[in-house]
């Protein structure tokens, strides 16, 4: 299984944004069990929101994990579920 850093970089390269995995309320760079394969080979459509991406892709791929998504300038993308 790929390390957490490797998998996060693969997802970021595919989807076009940076992210960090959150465990126990803290962003982490490594975890003992890494992350299994992402399971997608194409970027989600450009009209999708951060909340949609998290629900459709991240949470389905990694149900025991959470993440934060960041814009290119390093600010966190707000999740508006409305």
Protein backbone atom coordinates (compact mmCIF):
# COMPACT_ATOMS: atom_id res chain seq x y z
CA UNK A 1 0.00 0.00 0.00
CA UNK A 2 1.28 3.47 -0.86
CA UNK A 3 2.37 5.84 1.87
CA UNK A 4 0.00 8.62 2.82
CA UNK A 5 2.23 11.27 1.24
CA UNK A 6 2.46 9.35 -2.03
CA UNK A 7 -1.30 8.81 -2.26
CA UNK A 8 -2.09 12.44 -1.37
CA UNK A 9 0.30 13.63 -4.10
CA UNK A 10 -1.32 11.26 -6.64
CA UNK A 11 -4.80 12.60 -5.78
CA UNK A 12 -3.59 16.21 -5.90
CA UNK A 13 -1.97 15.71 -9.30
CA UNK A 14 -5.12 14.09 -10.71
CA UNK A 15 -7.70 16.46 -9.24
CA UNK A 16 -5.69 19.67 -9.57
CA UNK A 17 -5.71 20.87 -5.96
CA UNK A 18 -3.79 20.24 -2.76
CA UNK A 19 -5.22 18.37 0.17
CA UNK A 20 -4.25 17.11 3.60
CA UNK A 21 -5.61 14.08 5.39
CA UNK A 22 -7.10 14.72 8.81
CA UNK A 23 -6.99 12.17 11.62
CA UNK A 24 -8.22 12.85 15.14
CA UNK A 25 -8.79 16.50 14.22
CA UNK A 26 -5.20 17.09 13.08
CA UNK A 27 -3.66 17.22 9.60
CA UNK A 28 -1.17 14.37 9.22
CA UNK A 29 1.65 13.66 6.77
CA UNK A 30 2.03 9.98 7.60
CA UNK A 31 0.06 7.18 9.15
CA UNK A 32 0.99 3.60 9.81
CA UNK A 33 -1.42 2.05 7.32
CA UNK A 34 -1.02 4.50 4.40
CA UNK A 35 -3.94 4.81 1.99
CA UNK A 36 -5.33 2.27 -0.47
CA UNK A 37 -5.60 3.15 -4.18
CA UNK A 38 -7.75 6.17 -5.05
CA UNK A 39 -9.78 4.33 -7.71
CA UNK A 40 -10.27 7.22 -10.13
CA UNK A 41 -8.24 7.99 -13.24
CA UNK A 42 -10.00 11.17 -14.37
CA UNK A 43 -10.52 14.50 -12.69
CA UNK A 44 -14.02 15.19 -11.35
CA UNK A 45 -15.93 17.64 -13.57
CA UNK A 46 -14.94 21.28 -13.12
CA UNK A 47 -18.37 22.36 -11.92
CA UNK A 48 -18.23 20.11 -8.84
CA UNK A 49 -17.90 21.80 -5.47
CA UNK A 50 -15.45 20.87 -2.74
CA UNK A 51 -18.32 19.35 -0.77
CA UNK A 52 -19.34 17.25 -3.79
CA UNK A 53 -15.78 16.04 -4.37
CA UNK A 54 -15.41 15.09 -0.72
CA UNK A 55 -18.72 13.19 -0.70
CA UNK A 56 -18.39 11.53 -4.12
CA UNK A 57 -14.72 10.69 -4.11
CA UNK A 58 -12.77 11.10 -0.88
CA UNK A 59 -15.35 9.86 1.62
CA UNK A 60 -16.31 6.91 -0.58
CA UNK A 61 -12.66 5.98 -1.14
CA UNK A 62 -11.54 6.53 2.47
CA UNK A 63 -14.60 6.34 4.76
CA UNK A 64 -12.51 6.33 7.95
CA UNK A 65 -10.64 9.53 7.00
CA UNK A 66 -11.34 13.22 6.52
CA UNK A 67 -9.47 15.83 4.51
CA UNK A 68 -8.96 19.52 3.93
CA UNK A 69 -8.74 20.96 0.41
CA UNK A 70 -6.53 23.95 -0.38
CA UNK A 71 -6.42 26.54 -3.15
CA UNK A 72 -3.19 27.17 -5.02
CA UNK A 73 -2.36 30.08 -2.70
CA UNK A 74 -2.49 27.77 0.32
CA UNK A 75 -5.80 28.95 1.78
CA UNK A 76 -8.30 26.30 2.75
CA UNK A 77 -11.29 25.88 0.45
CA UNK A 78 -14.55 26.42 2.28
CA UNK A 79 -17.04 23.57 2.20
CA UNK A 80 -20.54 24.87 1.57
CA UNK A 81 -22.94 21.94 1.69
CA UNK A 82 -25.95 24.12 0.80
